[in-house]
């Protein structure tokens, strides 16, 4: 993002309004056909207000997708979701928002999407490790948590992006089962082995 509120945890109502407007417009037309004028007209604001917050529509799209991902993560944290439930939250969101997700993939690119996903997935994976540690009265080192957090957030973001790209052709139930089984079983095995080694 372009301004000082780049990582503002409490974005202004105006920014959120523009994000929701963009998401709505993407349902009806390709992102490449949406102009800054379309956004400001729908929001009943002037162009200077838009450019105060964003450099261009790509900047707004990036912000919008970051907000969407943050909302998903917040929702499964609030629900105290298990790992399978949390992954279901993500995949259900994609299924309900395919045009928007595909637009984000095509317009922002895979690398930018990975950056957006990995930040929040890292928090999720580390919280999962902390939960496992508390349940089993184990203390893991920060090094282990960082290593596992990075590894699994990278893996999950890659799989989520793959799901966005291929959702039309997939047997979604098989994909869900594979993702949940792989993530839960392999992370549990890693944590068990780390506990034995005092990591």
Protein backbone atom coordinates (compact mmCIF):
# COMPACT_ATOMS: atom_id res chain seq x y z
CA UNK A 1 0.00 0.00 0.00
CA UNK A 2 0.95 3.51 -0.58
CA UNK A 3 0.44 5.44 2.64
CA UNK A 4 1.17 5.51 6.32
CA UNK A 5 -1.82 3.35 7.16
CA UNK A 6 -0.33 0.45 5.18
CA UNK A 7 -0.75 -2.07 8.01
CA UNK A 8 -3.41 -0.19 9.97
CA UNK A 9 -5.29 -2.74 12.04
CA UNK A 10 -8.39 -0.50 12.08
CA UNK A 11 -8.83 0.67 8.50
CA UNK A 12 -11.17 3.61 7.97
CA UNK A 13 -14.80 3.14 7.01
CA UNK A 14 -14.02 4.79 3.69
CA UNK A 15 -11.34 2.20 2.85
CA UNK A 16 -13.68 -0.64 3.83
CA UNK A 17 -16.48 0.89 1.77
CA UNK A 18 -14.22 1.05 -1.30
CA UNK A 19 -13.13 -2.56 -0.69
CA UNK A 20 -16.73 -3.78 -0.51
CA UNK A 21 -17.60 -1.79 -3.63
CA UNK A 22 -14.73 -3.34 -5.56
CA UNK A 23 -15.77 -6.82 -4.45
CA UNK A 24 -19.34 -6.13 -5.61
CA UNK A 25 -18.25 -4.74 -8.99
CA UNK A 26 -16.03 -7.78 -9.64
CA UNK A 27 -19.16 -9.96 -9.60
CA UNK A 28 -20.45 -8.16 -12.69
CA UNK A 29 -17.37 -7.40 -14.81
CA UNK A 30 -13.69 -8.18 -15.24
CA UNK A 31 -11.32 -6.33 -12.93
CA UNK A 32 -9.58 -4.78 -15.95
CA UNK A 33 -12.85 -3.01 -16.83
CA UNK A 34 -13.31 -1.44 -13.38
CA UNK A 35 -12.05 2.13 -13.16
CA UNK A 36 -11.26 4.42 -10.26
CA UNK A 37 -14.23 6.48 -11.45
CA UNK A 38 -16.51 3.43 -11.03
CA UNK A 39 -15.34 3.06 -7.42
CA UNK A 40 -15.73 6.72 -6.46
CA UNK A 41 -19.14 6.99 -8.15
CA UNK A 42 -20.47 3.91 -6.32
CA UNK A 43 -19.06 5.14 -3.00
CA UNK A 44 -20.17 8.74 -3.54
CA UNK A 45 -16.69 10.08 -2.81
CA UNK A 46 -14.24 12.15 -4.87
CA UNK A 47 -11.13 10.95 -6.65
CA UNK A 48 -8.84 12.70 -4.18
CA UNK A 49 -10.29 10.56 -1.39
CA UNK A 50 -9.53 7.43 -3.39
CA UNK A 51 -5.93 8.51 -4.06
CA UNK A 52 -5.45 9.50 -0.43
CA UNK A 53 -5.91 5.84 0.49
CA UNK A 54 -4.75 3.91 -2.58
CA UNK A 55 -2.33 4.34 -5.48
CA UNK A 56 -4.57 2.55 -7.95
CA UNK A 57 -7.13 -0.24 -8.32
CA UNK A 58 -4.46 -2.92 -7.82
CA UNK A 59 -3.59 -1.37 -4.48
CA UNK A 60 -7.28 -1.44 -3.55
CA UNK A 61 -7.60 -5.06 -4.72
CA UNK A 62 -4.62 -6.09 -2.57
CA UNK A 63 -6.11 -4.31 0.46
CA UNK A 64 -9.52 -5.90 -0.17
CA UNK A 65 -8.10 -9.41 -0.37
CA UNK A 66 -5.99 -8.86 2.76
CA UNK A 67 -9.15 -7.81 4.61
CA UNK A 68 -11.04 -10.85 3.37
CA UNK A 69 -8.28 -13.22 4.50
CA UNK A 70 -8.07 -11.46 7.88
CA UNK A 71 -11.85 -11.84 8.32
CA UNK A 72 -11.64 -15.58 7.61
CA UNK A 73 -8.84 -16.04 10.13
CA UNK A 74 -10.70 -13.97 12.74
CA UNK A 75 -13.85 -16.03 12.22
CA UNK A 76 -12.19 -19.38 12.88
CA UNK A 77 -10.25 -17.97 15.83
CA UNK A 78 -13.50 -16.68 17.36
CA UNK A 79 -15.13 -20.06 16.78
CA UNK A 80 -12.16 -21.88 18.40
CA UNK A 81 -12.15 -24.01 15.27
CA UNK A 82 -10.22 -27.24 15.02
CA UNK A 83 -7.73 -27.59 12.15
CA UNK A 84 -10.23 -29.38 9.85
CA UNK A 85 -12.88 -26.76 10.64
CA UNK A 86 -10.44 -23.90 10.00
CA UNK A 87 -9.46 -25.36 6.63
CA UNK A 88 -13.16 -25.77 5.83
CA UNK A 89 -13.68 -22.05 6.61
CA UNK A 90 -11.05 -21.18 4.00
CA UNK A 91 -12.27 -23.56 1.29
CA UNK A 92 -15.93 -22.62 1.87
CA UNK A 93 -15.01 -18.95 1.50
CA UNK A 94 -13.28 -19.67 -1.83
CA UNK A 95 -16.26 -21.69 -3.09
CA UNK A 96 -18.62 -18.80 -2.27
CA UNK A 97 -16.32 -16.14 -3.76
CA UNK A 98 -14.79 -17.82 -6.82
CA UNK A 99 -15.01 -14.75 -9.14
CA UNK A 100 -13.31 -12.54 -6.56
CA UNK A 101 -10.64 -15.15 -5.69
CA UNK A 102 -9.86 -15.83 -9.35
CA UNK A 103 -9.67 -12.10 -10.01
CA UNK A 104 -7.18 -11.71 -7.13
CA UNK A 105 -5.11 -14.60 -8.48
CA UNK A 106 -5.09 -13.31 -12.06
CA UNK A 107 -4.56 -9.64 -11.19
CA UNK A 108 -2.19 -9.78 -8.22
CA UNK A 109 -0.32 -12.95 -9.17
CA UNK A 110 0.60 -16.04 -7.22
CA UNK A 111 3.51 -14.48 -5.33
CA UNK A 112 1.43 -11.60 -3.96
CA UNK A 113 -1.35 -13.98 -2.91
CA UNK A 114 1.18 -16.16 -1.10
CA UNK A 115 2.42 -13.11 0.82
CA UNK A 116 -1.16 -12.23 1.82
CA UNK A 117 -2.00 -15.79 2.90
CA UNK A 118 1.24 -16.66 4.66
CA UNK A 119 1.10 -13.83 7.20
CA UNK A 120 -2.23 -15.01 8.64
CA UNK A 121 -1.56 -18.71 8.13
CA UNK A 122 1.68 -18.35 10.10
CA UNK A 123 -0.35 -17.05 13.07
CA UNK A 124 -2.78 -19.97 12.68
CA UNK A 125 -0.04 -22.62 12.53
CA UNK A 126 1.79 -21.16 15.54
CA UNK A 127 -1.48 -21.05 17.50
CA UNK A 128 -2.04 -24.72 16.60
CA UNK A 129 1.44 -25.59 17.87
CA UNK A 130 0.82 -23.65 21.11
CA UNK A 131 -2.50 -25.46 21.57
CA UNK A 132 -0.82 -28.86 21.06
CA UNK A 133 1.93 -27.87 23.51
CA UNK A 134 -0.59 -26.80 26.17
CA UNK A 135 -2.67 -29.97 25.74
CA UNK A 136 0.41 -32.15 26.15
CA UNK A 137 2.29 -30.03 28.73
CA UNK A 138 5.23 -29.53 26.35
CA UNK A 139 7.29 -26.41 25.72
CA UNK A 140 8.57 -25.93 22.18
CA UNK A 141 11.39 -23.54 21.33
CA UNK A 142 10.73 -20.37 19.33
CA UNK A 143 13.06 -21.77 16.65
CA UNK A 144 10.88 -24.86 16.21
CA UNK A 145 7.66 -22.80 16.16
CA UNK A 146 9.11 -20.40 13.58
CA UNK A 147 10.44 -23.21 11.40
CA UNK A 148 7.18 -25.19 11.49
CA UNK A 149 5.11 -22.02 11.15
CA UNK A 150 6.96 -20.94 8.02
CA UNK A 151 7.00 -24.45 6.50
CA UNK A 152 3.31 -25.17 7.01
CA UNK A 153 2.06 -21.68 6.16
CA UNK A 154 4.01 -21.95 2.89
CA UNK A 155 2.53 -25.38 2.20
CA UNK A 156 -1.03 -24.32 3.02
CA UNK A 157 -0.85 -21.11 0.98
CA UNK A 158 0.42 -23.07 -2.04
CA UNK A 159 -2.44 -25.58 -1.73
CA UNK A 160 -5.07 -22.85 -1.24
CA UNK A 161 -3.85 -21.05 -4.38
CA UNK A 162 -3.89 -24.34 -6.27
CA UNK A 163 -7.50 -24.80 -5.11
CA UNK A 164 -8.41 -21.33 -6.42
CA UNK A 165 -6.80 -22.06 -9.79
CA UNK A 166 -8.36 -25.51 -10.27
CA UNK A 167 -11.61 -25.34 -8.27
CA UNK A 168 -13.81 -25.94 -11.31
CA UNK A 169 -12.06 -29.23 -12.19
CA UNK A 170 -11.58 -30.62 -8.68
CA UNK A 171 -13.42 -33.21 -6.67
CA UNK A 172 -13.62 -30.80 -3.76
CA UNK A 173 -14.42 -33.38 -1.08
CA UNK A 174 -11.34 -35.44 -1.98
CA UNK A 175 -9.20 -32.29 -1.99
CA UNK A 176 -10.50 -31.29 1.47
CA UNK A 177 -9.88 -34.75 2.86
CA UNK A 178 -6.34 -34.87 1.44
CA UNK A 179 -5.45 -31.38 2.70
CA UNK A 180 -6.82 -31.96 6.19
CA UNK A 181 -5.24 -35.40 6.50
CA UNK A 182 -1.85 -34.26 5.25
CA UNK A 183 -1.72 -31.13 7.39
CA UNK A 184 -2.99 -32.67 10.64
CA UNK A 185 -1.10 -35.96 10.44
CA UNK A 186 2.20 -34.49 9.32
CA UNK A 187 2.18 -31.58 11.80
CA UNK A 188 1.29 -33.96 14.64
CA UNK A 189 4.16 -36.28 13.64
CA UNK A 190 6.60 -33.35 13.51
CA UNK A 191 5.52 -32.11 16.94
CA UNK A 192 5.74 -35.58 18.48
CA UNK A 193 9.26 -36.02 17.13
CA UNK A 194 10.26 -32.50 18.24
CA UNK A 195 8.95 -33.24 21.74
CA UNK A 196 11.06 -36.43 21.94
CA UNK A 197 14.13 -34.44 20.96
CA UNK A 198 13.38 -31.59 23.36
CA UNK A 199 13.06 -29.07 20.56
